[in-house]
């Protein structure tokens, strides 16, 4: 494999890994917000408060 191709492949892999980590963080934050909303609903907190604290939409909260 020539050096340019190898370097390009390594760079592509690095970008892919960074993108995967970023997506994982976003998904983890979303799951944490859903869990918080679930607990707040169980405590009968108002939907407006749940929306404000979790940044979830009304539709997302109602599906929980």
PDB file of N, CA and C in Angstrom:
ATOM      1  N   UNK A   1       0.865  -1.171   0.000  1.00  0.00           N
ATOM      2  CA  UNK A   1       0.000   0.000   0.000  1.00  0.00           C
ATOM      3  C   UNK A   1       0.908   1.229   0.000  1.00  0.00           C
ATOM      4  N   UNK A   2       0.610   2.191  -0.862  1.00  0.00           N
ATOM      5  CA  UNK A   2       1.473   3.370  -0.904  1.00  0.00           C
ATOM      6  C   UNK A   2       1.213   4.271   0.299  1.00  0.00           C
ATOM      7  N   UNK A   3       2.183   5.102   0.634  1.00  0.00           N
ATOM      8  CA  UNK A   3       2.135   5.929   1.843  1.00  0.00           C
ATOM      9  C   UNK A   3       0.941   6.879   1.848  1.00  0.00           C
ATOM     10  N   UNK A   4       0.597   7.458   0.695  1.00  0.00           N
ATOM     11  CA  UNK A   4      -0.533   8.388   0.622  1.00  0.00           C
ATOM     12  C   UNK A   4      -1.855   7.706   0.909  1.00  0.00           C
ATOM     13  N   UNK A   5      -2.012   6.527   0.369  1.00  0.00           N
ATOM     14  CA  UNK A   5      -3.238   5.765   0.589  1.00  0.00           C
ATOM     15  C   UNK A   5      -3.354   5.353   2.055  1.00  0.00           C
ATOM     16  N   UNK A   6      -2.228   4.910   2.622  1.00  0.00           N
ATOM     17  CA  UNK A   6      -2.219   4.503   4.026  1.00  0.00           C
ATOM     18  C   UNK A   6      -2.570   5.682   4.932  1.00  0.00           C
ATOM     19  N   UNK A   7      -1.976   6.840   4.650  1.00  0.00           N
ATOM     20  CA  UNK A   7      -2.250   8.033   5.459  1.00  0.00           C
ATOM     21  C   UNK A   7      -3.721   8.437   5.339  1.00  0.00           C
ATOM     22  N   UNK A   8      -4.266   8.366   4.115  1.00  0.00           N
ATOM     23  CA  UNK A   8      -5.673   8.700   3.902  1.00  0.00           C
ATOM     24  C   UNK A   8      -6.599   7.753   4.640  1.00  0.00           C
ATOM     25  N   UNK A   9      -6.239   6.486   4.641  1.00  0.00           N
ATOM     26  CA  UNK A   9      -7.051   5.486   5.344  1.00  0.00           C
ATOM     27  C   UNK A   9      -7.014   5.732   6.855  1.00  0.00           C
ATOM     28  N   UNK A  10      -5.830   6.004   7.382  1.00  0.00           N
ATOM     29  CA  UNK A  10      -5.699   6.289   8.817  1.00  0.00           C
ATOM     30  C   UNK A  10      -6.510   7.523   9.206  1.00  0.00           C
ATOM     31  N   UNK A  11      -6.452   8.545   8.367  1.00  0.00           N
ATOM     32  CA  UNK A  11      -7.202   9.770   8.644  1.00  0.00           C
ATOM     33  C   UNK A  11      -8.704   9.486   8.612  1.00  0.00           C
ATOM     34  N   UNK A  12      -9.146   8.685   7.649  1.00  0.00           N
ATOM     35  CA  UNK A  12     -10.555   8.312   7.556  1.00  0.00           C
ATOM     36  C   UNK A  12     -11.011   7.533   8.776  1.00  0.00           C
ATOM     37  N   UNK A  13     -10.187   6.621   9.239  1.00  0.00           N
ATOM     38  CA  UNK A  13     -10.520   5.859  10.444  1.00  0.00           C
ATOM     39  C   UNK A  13     -10.617   6.769  11.653  1.00  0.00           C
ATOM     40  N   UNK A  14      -9.680   7.712  11.763  1.00  0.00           N
ATOM     41  CA  UNK A  14      -9.679   8.651  12.888  1.00  0.00           C
ATOM     42  C   UNK A  14     -10.961   9.483  12.883  1.00  0.00           C
ATOM     43  N   UNK A  15     -11.351   9.974  11.715  1.00  0.00           N
ATOM     44  CA  UNK A  15     -12.574  10.768  11.596  1.00  0.00           C
ATOM     45  C   UNK A  15     -13.781   9.910  11.963  1.00  0.00           C
ATOM     46  N   UNK A  16     -13.804   8.662  11.513  1.00  0.00           N
ATOM     47  CA  UNK A  16     -14.906   7.754  11.821  1.00  0.00           C
ATOM     48  C   UNK A  16     -15.035   7.497  13.315  1.00  0.00           C
ATOM     49  N   UNK A  17     -13.907   7.297  13.965  1.00  0.00           N
ATOM     50  CA  UNK A  17     -13.922   7.057  15.410  1.00  0.00           C
ATOM     51  C   UNK A  17     -14.428   8.296  16.144  1.00  0.00           C
ATOM     52  N   UNK A  18     -13.948   9.466  15.768  1.00  0.00           N
ATOM     53  CA  UNK A  18     -14.391  10.706  16.412  1.00  0.00           C
ATOM     54  C   UNK A  18     -15.886  10.920  16.216  1.00  0.00           C
ATOM     55  N   UNK A  19     -16.374  10.647  15.011  1.00  0.00           N
ATOM     56  CA  UNK A  19     -17.802  10.798  14.724  1.00  0.00           C
ATOM     57  C   UNK A  19     -18.617   9.817  15.569  1.00  0.00           C
ATOM     58  N   UNK A  20     -18.146   8.594  15.683  1.00  0.00           N
ATOM     59  CA  UNK A  20     -18.840   7.590  16.494  1.00  0.00           C
ATOM     60  C   UNK A  20     -18.901   7.978  17.957  1.00  0.00           C
ATOM     61  N   UNK A  21     -17.824   8.521  18.465  1.00  0.00           N
ATOM     62  CA  UNK A  21     -17.815   8.967  19.864  1.00  0.00           C
ATOM     63  C   UNK A  21     -18.798  10.109  20.084  1.00  0.00           C
ATOM     64  N   UNK A  22     -18.829  11.055  19.163  1.00  0.00           N
ATOM     65  CA  UNK A  22     -19.755  12.192  19.273  1.00  0.00           C
ATOM     66  C   UNK A  22     -21.197  11.707  19.245  1.00  0.00           C
ATOM     67  N   UNK A  23     -21.492  10.787  18.344  1.00  0.00           N
ATOM     68  CA  UNK A  23     -22.847  10.238  18.269  1.00  0.00           C
ATOM     69  C   UNK A  23     -23.196   9.489  19.555  1.00  0.00           C
ATOM     70  N   UNK A  24     -22.241   8.781  20.107  1.00  0.00           N
ATOM     71  CA  UNK A  24     -22.460   8.060  21.358  1.00  0.00           C
ATOM     72  C   UNK A  24     -22.754   8.998  22.514  1.00  0.00           C
ATOM     73  N   UNK A  25     -22.047  10.125  22.557  1.00  0.00           N
ATOM     74  CA  UNK A  25     -22.300  11.104  23.623  1.00  0.00           C
ATOM     75  C   UNK A  25     -23.707  11.670  23.500  1.00  0.00           C
ATOM     76  N   UNK A  26     -24.115  12.004  22.286  1.00  0.00           N
ATOM     77  CA  UNK A  26     -25.454  12.557  22.064  1.00  0.00           C
ATOM     78  C   UNK A  26     -26.510  11.539  22.484  1.00  0.00           C
ATOM     79  N   UNK A  27     -26.314  10.294  22.089  1.00  0.00           N
ATOM     80  CA  UNK A  27     -27.276   9.252  22.449  1.00  0.00           C
ATOM     81  C   UNK A  27     -27.323   9.047  23.960  1.00  0.00           C
ATOM     82  N   UNK A  28     -26.173   9.080  24.608  1.00  0.00           N
ATOM     83  CA  UNK A  28     -26.121   8.936  26.061  1.00  0.00           C
ATOM     84  C   UNK A  28     -26.828  10.073  26.776  1.00  0.00           C
ATOM     85  N   UNK A  29     -26.645  11.290  26.280  1.00  0.00           N
ATOM     86  CA  UNK A  29     -27.320  12.445  26.875  1.00  0.00           C
ATOM     87  C   UNK A  29     -28.831  12.315  26.722  1.00  0.00           C
ATOM     88  N   UNK A  30     -29.270  11.837  25.578  1.00  0.00           N
ATOM     89  CA  UNK A  30     -30.699  11.656  25.322  1.00  0.00           C
ATOM     90  C   UNK A  30     -31.270  10.607  26.273  1.00  0.00           C
ATOM     91  N   UNK A  31     -30.557   9.508  26.449  1.00  0.00           N
ATOM     92  CA  UNK A  31     -31.020   8.456  27.348  1.00  0.00           C
ATOM     93  C   UNK A  31     -31.096   8.955  28.792  1.00  0.00           C
ATOM     94  N   UNK A  32     -30.141   9.786  29.189  1.00  0.00           N
ATOM     95  CA  UNK A  32     -30.150  10.355  30.538  1.00  0.00           C
ATOM     96  C   UNK A  32     -31.360  11.267  30.716  1.00  0.00           C
ATOM     97  N   UNK A  33     -31.672  12.066  29.694  1.00  0.00           N
ATOM     98  CA  UNK A  33     -32.835  12.955  29.754  1.00  0.00           C
ATOM     99  C   UNK A  33     -34.118  12.145  29.850  1.00  0.00           C
ATOM    100  N   UNK A  34     -34.196  11.046  29.117  1.00  0.00           N
ATOM    101  CA  UNK A  34     -35.390  10.194  29.160  1.00  0.00           C
ATOM    102  C   UNK A  34     -35.549   9.578  30.544  1.00  0.00           C
ATOM    103  N   UNK A  35     -34.465   9.122  31.127  1.00  0.00           N
ATOM    104  CA  UNK A  35     -34.521   8.541  32.470  1.00  0.00           C
ATOM    105  C   UNK A  35     -34.950   9.594  33.490  1.00  0.00           C
ATOM    106  N   UNK A  36     -34.425  10.803  33.366  1.00  0.00           N
ATOM    107  CA  UNK A  36     -34.816  11.877  34.274  1.00  0.00           C
ATOM    108  C   UNK A  36     -36.307  12.185  34.119  1.00  0.00           C
ATOM    109  N   UNK A  37     -36.774  12.249  32.886  1.00  0.00           N
ATOM    110  CA  UNK A  37     -38.194  12.515  32.635  1.00  0.00           C
ATOM    111  C   UNK A  37     -39.053  11.408  33.229  1.00  0.00           C
ATOM    112  N   UNK A  38     -38.610  10.175  33.098  1.00  0.00           N
ATOM    113  CA  UNK A  38     -39.359   9.041  33.661  1.00  0.00           C
ATOM    114  C   UNK A  38     -39.502   9.190  35.185  1.00  0.00           C
ATOM    115  N   UNK A  39     -38.424   9.577  35.838  1.00  0.00           N
ATOM    116  CA  UNK A  39     -38.468   9.760  37.299  1.00  0.00           C
ATOM    117  C   UNK A  39     -39.344  10.947  37.669  1.00  0.00           C
ATOM    118  N   UNK A  40     -39.245  12.029  36.908  1.00  0.00           N
ATOM    119  CA  UNK A  40     -40.053  13.212  37.196  1.00  0.00           C
ATOM    120  C   UNK A  40     -41.538  12.919  36.987  1.00  0.00           C
ATOM    121  N   UNK A  41     -41.868  12.153  35.948  1.00  0.00           N
ATOM    122  CA  UNK A  41     -43.266  11.771  35.732  1.00  0.00           C
ATOM    123  C   UNK A  41     -43.771  10.920  36.884  1.00  0.00           C
ATOM    124  N   UNK A  42     -42.939  10.014  37.363  1.00  0.00           N
ATOM    125  CA  UNK A  42     -43.318   9.152  38.489  1.00  0.00           C
ATOM    126  C   UNK A  42     -43.582   9.982  39.743  1.00  0.00           C
ATOM    127  N   UNK A  43     -42.895  11.122  39.856  1.00  0.00           N
ATOM    128  CA  UNK A  43     -43.100  12.032  40.991  1.00  0.00           C
ATOM    129  C   UNK A  43     -44.195  13.063  40.720  1.00  0.00           C
ATOM    130  N   UNK A  44     -44.910  12.884  39.605  1.00  0.00           N
ATOM    131  CA  UNK A  44     -46.015  13.768  39.213  1.00  0.00           C
ATOM    132  C   UNK A  44     -45.605  15.229  39.032  1.00  0.00           C
ATOM    133  N   UNK A  45     -44.408  15.447  38.501  1.00  0.00           N
ATOM    134  CA  UNK A  45     -43.967  16.806  38.187  1.00  0.00           C
ATOM    135  C   UNK A  45     -44.746  17.299  36.966  1.00  0.00           C
ATOM    136  N   UNK A  46     -45.010  18.593  36.879  1.00  0.00           N
ATOM    137  CA  UNK A  46     -45.725  19.137  35.719  1.00  0.00           C
ATOM    138  C   UNK A  46     -44.922  18.927  34.431  1.00  0.00           C
ATOM    139  N   UNK A  47     -45.642  18.675  33.344  1.00  0.00           N
ATOM    140  CA  UNK A  47     -44.990  18.443  32.054  1.00  0.00           C
ATOM    141  C   UNK A  47     -44.100  19.608  31.645  1.00  0.00           C
ATOM    142  N   UNK A  48     -44.530  20.831  31.921  1.00  0.00           N
ATOM    143  CA  UNK A  48     -43.729  22.004  31.563  1.00  0.00           C
ATOM    144  C   UNK A  48     -42.375  21.981  32.262  1.00  0.00           C
ATOM    145  N   UNK A  49     -42.373  21.558  33.504  1.00  0.00           N
ATOM    146  CA  UNK A  49     -41.126  21.479  34.268  1.00  0.00           C
ATOM    147  C   UNK A  49     -40.228  20.369  33.700  1.00  0.00           C
ATOM    148  N   UNK A  50     -40.819  19.244  33.367  1.00  0.00           N
ATOM    149  CA  UNK A  50     -40.055  18.137  32.794  1.00  0.00           C
ATOM    150  C   UNK A  50     -39.421  18.584  31.475  1.00  0.00           C
ATOM    151  N   UNK A  51     -40.200  19.278  30.650  1.00  0.00           N
ATOM    152  CA  UNK A  51     -39.681  19.773  29.373  1.00  0.00           C
ATOM    153  C   UNK A  51     -38.509  20.720  29.596  1.00  0.00           C
ATOM    154  N   UNK A  52     -38.644  21.613  30.559  1.00  0.00           N
ATOM    155  CA  UNK A  52     -37.598  22.602  30.829  1.00  0.00           C
ATOM    156  C   UNK A  52     -36.313  21.934  31.327  1.00  0.00           C
ATOM    157  N   UNK A  53     -36.436  20.961  32.212  1.00  0.00           N
ATOM    158  CA  UNK A  53     -35.262  20.332  32.805  1.00  0.00           C
ATOM    159  C   UNK A  53     -34.590  19.313  31.892  1.00  0.00           C
ATOM    160  N   UNK A  54     -35.354  18.670  31.013  1.00  0.00           N
ATOM    161  CA  UNK A  54     -34.792  17.600  30.190  1.00  0.00           C
ATOM    162  C   UNK A  54     -34.543  18.008  28.741  1.00  0.00           C
ATOM    163  N   UNK A  55     -35.147  19.109  28.315  1.00  0.00           N
ATOM    164  CA  UNK A  55     -35.083  19.560  26.915  1.00  0.00           C
ATOM    165  C   UNK A  55     -35.738  18.566  25.961  1.00  0.00           C
ATOM    166  N   UNK A  56     -36.615  17.719  26.476  1.00  0.00           N
ATOM    167  CA  UNK A  56     -37.385  16.815  25.635  1.00  0.00           C
ATOM    168  C   UNK A  56     -38.660  17.523  25.196  1.00  0.00           C
ATOM    169  N   UNK A  57     -39.211  17.075  24.078  1.00  0.00           N
ATOM    170  CA  UNK A  57     -40.464  17.652  23.608  1.00  0.00           C
ATOM    171  C   UNK A  57     -41.630  17.026  24.366  1.00  0.00           C
ATOM    172  N   UNK A  58     -42.773  17.686  24.286  1.00  0.00           N
ATOM    173  CA  UNK A  58     -43.981  17.170  24.930  1.00  0.00           C
ATOM    174  C   UNK A  58     -44.295  15.774  24.392  1.00  0.00           C
ATOM    175  N   UNK A  59     -44.181  15.592  23.100  1.00  0.00           N
ATOM    176  CA  UNK A  59     -44.458  14.297  22.480  1.00  0.00           C
ATOM    177  C   UNK A  59     -43.514  13.217  23.021  1.00  0.00           C
ATOM    178  N   UNK A  60     -42.232  13.551  23.146  1.00  0.00           N
ATOM    179  CA  UNK A  60     -41.262  12.583  23.664  1.00  0.00           C
ATOM    180  C   UNK A  60     -41.598  12.193  25.103  1.00  0.00           C
ATOM    181  N   UNK A  61     -41.994  13.157  25.899  1.00  0.00           N
ATOM    182  CA  UNK A  61     -42.315  12.905  27.307  1.00  0.00           C
ATOM    183  C   UNK A  61     -43.584  12.054  27.420  1.00  0.00           C
ATOM    184  N   UNK A  62     -44.570  12.358  26.598  1.00  0.00           N
ATOM    185  CA  UNK A  62     -45.831  11.605  26.672  1.00  0.00           C
ATOM    186  C   UNK A  62     -45.640  10.149  26.250  1.00  0.00           C
ATOM    187  N   UNK A  63     -44.643   9.846  25.451  1.00  0.00           N
ATOM    188  CA  UNK A  63     -44.384   8.472  25.016  1.00  0.00           C
ATOM    189  C   UNK A  63     -43.669   7.638  26.079  1.00  0.00           C
ATOM    190  N   UNK A  64     -43.178   8.308  27.097  1.00  0.00           N
ATOM    191  CA  UNK A  64     -42.429   7.603  28.155  1.00  0.00           C
ATOM    192  C   UNK A  64     -43.408   6.903  29.080  1.00  0.00           C
TER     193      UNK A  64
END
